[in-house]
Amino acid sequence: MHTYFKPRGIPLSEITGEVVVTLEELEAIRLTDLEGLSQQEAGEKMKISQSTISRHLEQAHQKIAEALVLGFAIRIANPTDFFHCDECGHTWLFPEDLSSISQCEKCGSTEFHPHSHSQANKLIQLRKNNL
């Protein structure tokens, strides 16, 4: 996962501010804005209430708007790759050995997905498809 998004052509060291988007806010944006789920559906996937999803989205949208308008960097709070369980909503970091992942570490469900912008995403999808 990318750590920072910033205005083009300006070194990060010269940017005067940053906003921090949490993993929960990022997941709420992914589910609603990218996948097109309703807030209710996103809340069900994340195992949180619709009002909590709404709060995450409001906070994330405010932060992103501030960064775009004021030229701030956007930092992802935890820049590592992670899994998200569709059944229980648990989120956990990629382990050293990706081949050992076949189920959610909390509930044992096989209904989980990687959240990654790396090559690991492709490897994990291939592994899940071959189970």
C-alpha atoms as a PDB file:
ATOM      1  CA  MET A   1       0.000   0.000   0.000  1.00  0.00           C
ATOM      2  CA  HIS A   2       1.227   3.474  -0.747  1.00  0.00           C
ATOM      3  CA  THR A   3       2.264   5.508   2.281  1.00  0.00           C
ATOM      4  CA  TYR A   4       1.741   9.024   0.916  1.00  0.00           C
ATOM      5  CA  PHE A   5      -0.143  10.798  -1.817  1.00  0.00           C
ATOM      6  CA  LYS A   6       1.068  14.309  -2.470  1.00  0.00           C
ATOM      7  CA  PRO A   7       0.912  17.148  -4.971  1.00  0.00           C
ATOM      8  CA  ARG A   8       2.998  16.388  -8.046  1.00  0.00           C
ATOM      9  CA  GLY A   9       6.311  18.148  -8.422  1.00  0.00           C
ATOM     10  CA  ILE A  10       6.709  19.168  -4.788  1.00  0.00           C
ATOM     11  CA  PRO A  11       9.108  17.159  -2.630  1.00  0.00           C
ATOM     12  CA  LEU A  12       7.427  15.710   0.455  1.00  0.00           C
ATOM     13  CA  SER A  13       9.892  17.615   2.647  1.00  0.00           C
ATOM     14  CA  GLU A  14       8.550  20.906   1.231  1.00  0.00           C
ATOM     15  CA  ILE A  15       4.852  20.197   1.783  1.00  0.00           C
ATOM     16  CA  THR A  16       3.542  22.279   4.672  1.00  0.00           C
ATOM     17  CA  GLY A  17       0.917  19.885   5.993  1.00  0.00           C
ATOM     18  CA  GLU A  18      -0.499  16.417   5.912  1.00  0.00           C
ATOM     19  CA  VAL A  19      -3.727  14.661   6.752  1.00  0.00           C
ATOM     20  CA  VAL A  20      -3.821  11.118   8.096  1.00  0.00           C
ATOM     21  CA  VAL A  21      -6.436   8.679   6.804  1.00  0.00           C
ATOM     22  CA  THR A  22      -6.988   5.632   9.041  1.00  0.00           C
ATOM     23  CA  LEU A  23      -7.393   2.077   7.750  1.00  0.00           C
ATOM     24  CA  GLU A  24     -11.050   2.143   8.816  1.00  0.00           C
ATOM     25  CA  GLU A  25     -11.649   5.359   6.870  1.00  0.00           C
ATOM     26  CA  LEU A  26      -9.852   3.935   3.847  1.00  0.00           C
ATOM     27  CA  GLU A  27     -11.907   0.732   3.961  1.00  0.00           C
ATOM     28  CA  ALA A  28     -15.152   2.737   4.253  1.00  0.00           C
ATOM     29  CA  ILE A  29     -14.130   4.765   1.179  1.00  0.00           C
ATOM     30  CA  ARG A  30     -13.176   1.618  -0.723  1.00  0.00           C
ATOM     31  CA  LEU A  31     -16.481  -0.089  -0.024  1.00  0.00           C
ATOM     32  CA  THR A  32     -18.768   2.892  -0.691  1.00  0.00           C
ATOM     33  CA  ASP A  33     -16.946   5.087  -3.195  1.00  0.00           C
ATOM     34  CA  LEU A  34     -15.031   2.414  -5.131  1.00  0.00           C
ATOM     35  CA  GLU A  35     -17.273  -0.662  -4.875  1.00  0.00           C
ATOM     36  CA  GLY A  36     -20.504   1.355  -4.803  1.00  0.00           C
ATOM     37  CA  LEU A  37     -22.013  -0.245  -1.702  1.00  0.00           C
ATOM     38  CA  SER A  38     -24.520   1.648   0.403  1.00  0.00           C
ATOM     39  CA  GLN A  39     -23.418   2.754   3.855  1.00  0.00           C
ATOM     40  CA  GLN A  40     -25.635   0.025   5.323  1.00  0.00           C
ATOM     41  CA  GLU A  41     -24.017  -2.649   3.131  1.00  0.00           C
ATOM     42  CA  ALA A  42     -20.516  -1.342   3.899  1.00  0.00           C
ATOM     43  CA  GLY A  43     -21.282  -1.380   7.606  1.00  0.00           C
ATOM     44  CA  GLU A  44     -22.453  -4.973   7.363  1.00  0.00           C
ATOM     45  CA  LYS A  45     -19.241  -5.978   5.576  1.00  0.00           C
ATOM     46  CA  MET A  46     -17.090  -4.198   8.172  1.00  0.00           C
ATOM     47  CA  LYS A  47     -19.292  -5.420  11.061  1.00  0.00           C
ATOM     48  CA  ILE A  48     -19.948  -1.888  12.254  1.00  0.00           C
ATOM     49  CA  SER A  49     -23.058   0.285  12.291  1.00  0.00           C
ATOM     50  CA  GLN A  50     -24.181   2.487   9.421  1.00  0.00           C
ATOM     51  CA  SER A  51     -23.664   5.534  11.651  1.00  0.00           C
ATOM     52  CA  THR A  52     -20.031   4.507  12.249  1.00  0.00           C
ATOM     53  CA  ILE A  53     -19.509   4.088   8.477  1.00  0.00           C
ATOM     54  CA  SER A  54     -21.051   7.517   7.994  1.00  0.00           C
ATOM     55  CA  ARG A  55     -18.648   9.002  10.553  1.00  0.00           C
ATOM     56  CA  HIS A  56     -15.619   7.302   8.907  1.00  0.00           C
ATOM     57  CA  LEU A  57     -16.693   8.613   5.493  1.00  0.00           C
ATOM     58  CA  GLU A  58     -17.322  12.131   6.755  1.00  0.00           C
ATOM     59  CA  GLN A  59     -13.909  12.255   8.428  1.00  0.00           C
ATOM     60  CA  ALA A  60     -12.102  10.766   5.409  1.00  0.00           C
ATOM     61  CA  HIS A  61     -13.845  13.045   2.906  1.00  0.00           C
ATOM     62  CA  GLN A  62     -13.046  16.090   5.061  1.00  0.00           C
ATOM     63  CA  LYS A  63      -9.373  15.100   5.258  1.00  0.00           C
ATOM     64  CA  ILE A  64      -9.097  14.390   1.535  1.00  0.00           C
ATOM     65  CA  ALA A  65     -10.828  17.665   0.641  1.00  0.00           C
ATOM     66  CA  GLU A  66      -8.455  19.558   2.936  1.00  0.00           C
ATOM     67  CA  ALA A  67      -5.440  17.925   1.293  1.00  0.00           C
ATOM     68  CA  LEU A  68      -6.662  18.634  -2.235  1.00  0.00           C
ATOM     69  CA  VAL A  69      -7.633  22.250  -1.571  1.00  0.00           C
ATOM     70  CA  LEU A  70      -4.650  23.191   0.599  1.00  0.00           C
ATOM     71  CA  GLY A  71      -2.004  21.093  -1.169  1.00  0.00           C
ATOM     72  CA  PHE A  72      -1.309  18.822   1.795  1.00  0.00           C
ATOM     73  CA  ALA A  73       0.006  15.275   1.636  1.00  0.00           C
ATOM     74  CA  ILE A  74      -2.336  12.409   2.461  1.00  0.00           C
ATOM     75  CA  ARG A  75      -0.715   9.795   4.669  1.00  0.00           C
ATOM     76  CA  ILE A  76      -2.217   6.368   5.182  1.00  0.00           C
ATOM     77  CA  ALA A  77      -2.081   5.688   8.928  1.00  0.00           C
ATOM     78  CA  ASN A  78      -0.711   2.179   8.557  1.00  0.00           C
ATOM     79  CA  PRO A  79       1.095   1.829   5.235  1.00  0.00           C
ATOM     80  CA  THR A  80       1.364  -1.936   5.336  1.00  0.00           C
ATOM     81  CA  ASP A  81      -0.719  -4.411   3.381  1.00  0.00           C
ATOM     82  CA  PHE A  82      -3.565  -6.065   5.253  1.00  0.00           C
ATOM     83  CA  PHE A  83      -6.448  -8.512   5.000  1.00  0.00           C
ATOM     84  CA  HIS A  84     -10.069  -7.746   5.791  1.00  0.00           C
ATOM     85  CA  CYS A  85     -12.541 -10.508   6.713  1.00  0.00           C
ATOM     86  CA  ASP A  86     -15.936 -10.153   5.041  1.00  0.00           C
ATOM     87  CA  GLU A  87     -17.592 -12.311   7.716  1.00  0.00           C
ATOM     88  CA  CYS A  88     -16.440 -10.805  11.032  1.00  0.00           C
ATOM     89  CA  GLY A  89     -14.896  -7.508   9.900  1.00  0.00           C
ATOM     90  CA  HIS A  90     -11.487  -8.340  11.381  1.00  0.00           C
ATOM     91  CA  THR A  91      -8.468  -6.656   9.779  1.00  0.00           C
ATOM     92  CA  TRP A  92      -4.961  -8.099  10.126  1.00  0.00           C
ATOM     93  CA  LEU A  93      -1.544  -7.412   8.658  1.00  0.00           C
ATOM     94  CA  PHE A  94       0.140  -9.564   6.039  1.00  0.00           C
ATOM     95  CA  PRO A  95       2.387 -12.163   7.681  1.00  0.00           C
ATOM     96  CA  GLU A  96       5.905 -12.880   6.469  1.00  0.00           C
ATOM     97  CA  ASP A  97       4.722 -16.114   4.820  1.00  0.00           C
ATOM     98  CA  LEU A  98       1.706 -15.373   2.621  1.00  0.00           C
ATOM     99  CA  SER A  99       1.319 -19.043   1.678  1.00  0.00           C
ATOM    100  CA  SER A 100       0.100 -19.752   5.222  1.00  0.00           C
ATOM    101  CA  ILE A 101      -3.031 -17.608   4.804  1.00  0.00           C
ATOM    102  CA  SER A 102      -6.171 -19.578   4.004  1.00  0.00           C
ATOM    103  CA  GLN A 103      -8.666 -18.201   6.509  1.00  0.00           C
ATOM    104  CA  CYS A 104      -9.404 -15.298   8.832  1.00  0.00           C
ATOM    105  CA  GLU A 105      -7.158 -15.458  11.871  1.00  0.00           C
ATOM    106  CA  LYS A 106     -10.061 -14.424  14.128  1.00  0.00           C
ATOM    107  CA  CYS A 107     -13.146 -16.366  12.956  1.00  0.00           C
ATOM    108  CA  GLY A 108     -11.706 -18.930  10.520  1.00  0.00           C
ATOM    109  CA  SER A 109     -13.798 -17.736   7.572  1.00  0.00           C
ATOM    110  CA  THR A 110     -12.435 -18.105   4.047  1.00  0.00           C
ATOM    111  CA  GLU A 111     -14.397 -14.996   3.018  1.00  0.00           C
ATOM    112  CA  PHE A 112     -11.624 -12.395   3.247  1.00  0.00           C
ATOM    113  CA  HIS A 113      -9.772 -10.175   0.822  1.00  0.00           C
ATOM    114  CA  PRO A 114      -6.355  -8.565   0.689  1.00  0.00           C
ATOM    115  CA  HIS A 115      -6.100  -4.809   0.676  1.00  0.00           C
ATOM    116  CA  SER A 116      -2.899  -4.153  -1.172  1.00  0.00           C
ATOM    117  CA  HIS A 117      -1.374  -2.302  -4.045  1.00  0.00           C
ATOM    118  CA  SER A 118       1.517  -4.742  -4.236  1.00  0.00           C
ATOM    119  CA  GLN A 119       2.254  -7.959  -6.098  1.00  0.00           C
ATOM    120  CA  ALA A 120       1.180  -9.847  -2.978  1.00  0.00           C
ATOM    121  CA  ASN A 121      -2.418  -9.088  -3.919  1.00  0.00           C
ATOM    122  CA  LYS A 122      -2.123 -11.129  -7.114  1.00  0.00           C
ATOM    123  CA  LEU A 123      -0.413 -14.014  -5.311  1.00  0.00           C
ATOM    124  CA  ILE A 124      -3.054 -14.121  -2.607  1.00  0.00           C
ATOM    125  CA  GLN A 125      -5.922 -14.068  -5.119  1.00  0.00           C
ATOM    126  CA  LEU A 126      -4.321 -16.927  -7.036  1.00  0.00           C
ATOM    127  CA  ARG A 127      -3.946 -18.906  -3.814  1.00  0.00           C
ATOM    128  CA  LYS A 128      -7.560 -18.280  -2.775  1.00  0.00           C
ATOM    129  CA  ASN A 129      -8.834 -19.267  -6.218  1.00  0.00           C
ATOM    130  CA  ASN A 130      -6.936 -22.562  -6.035  1.00  0.00           C
ATOM    131  CA  LEU A 131      -8.296 -23.595  -2.606  1.00  0.00           C
END
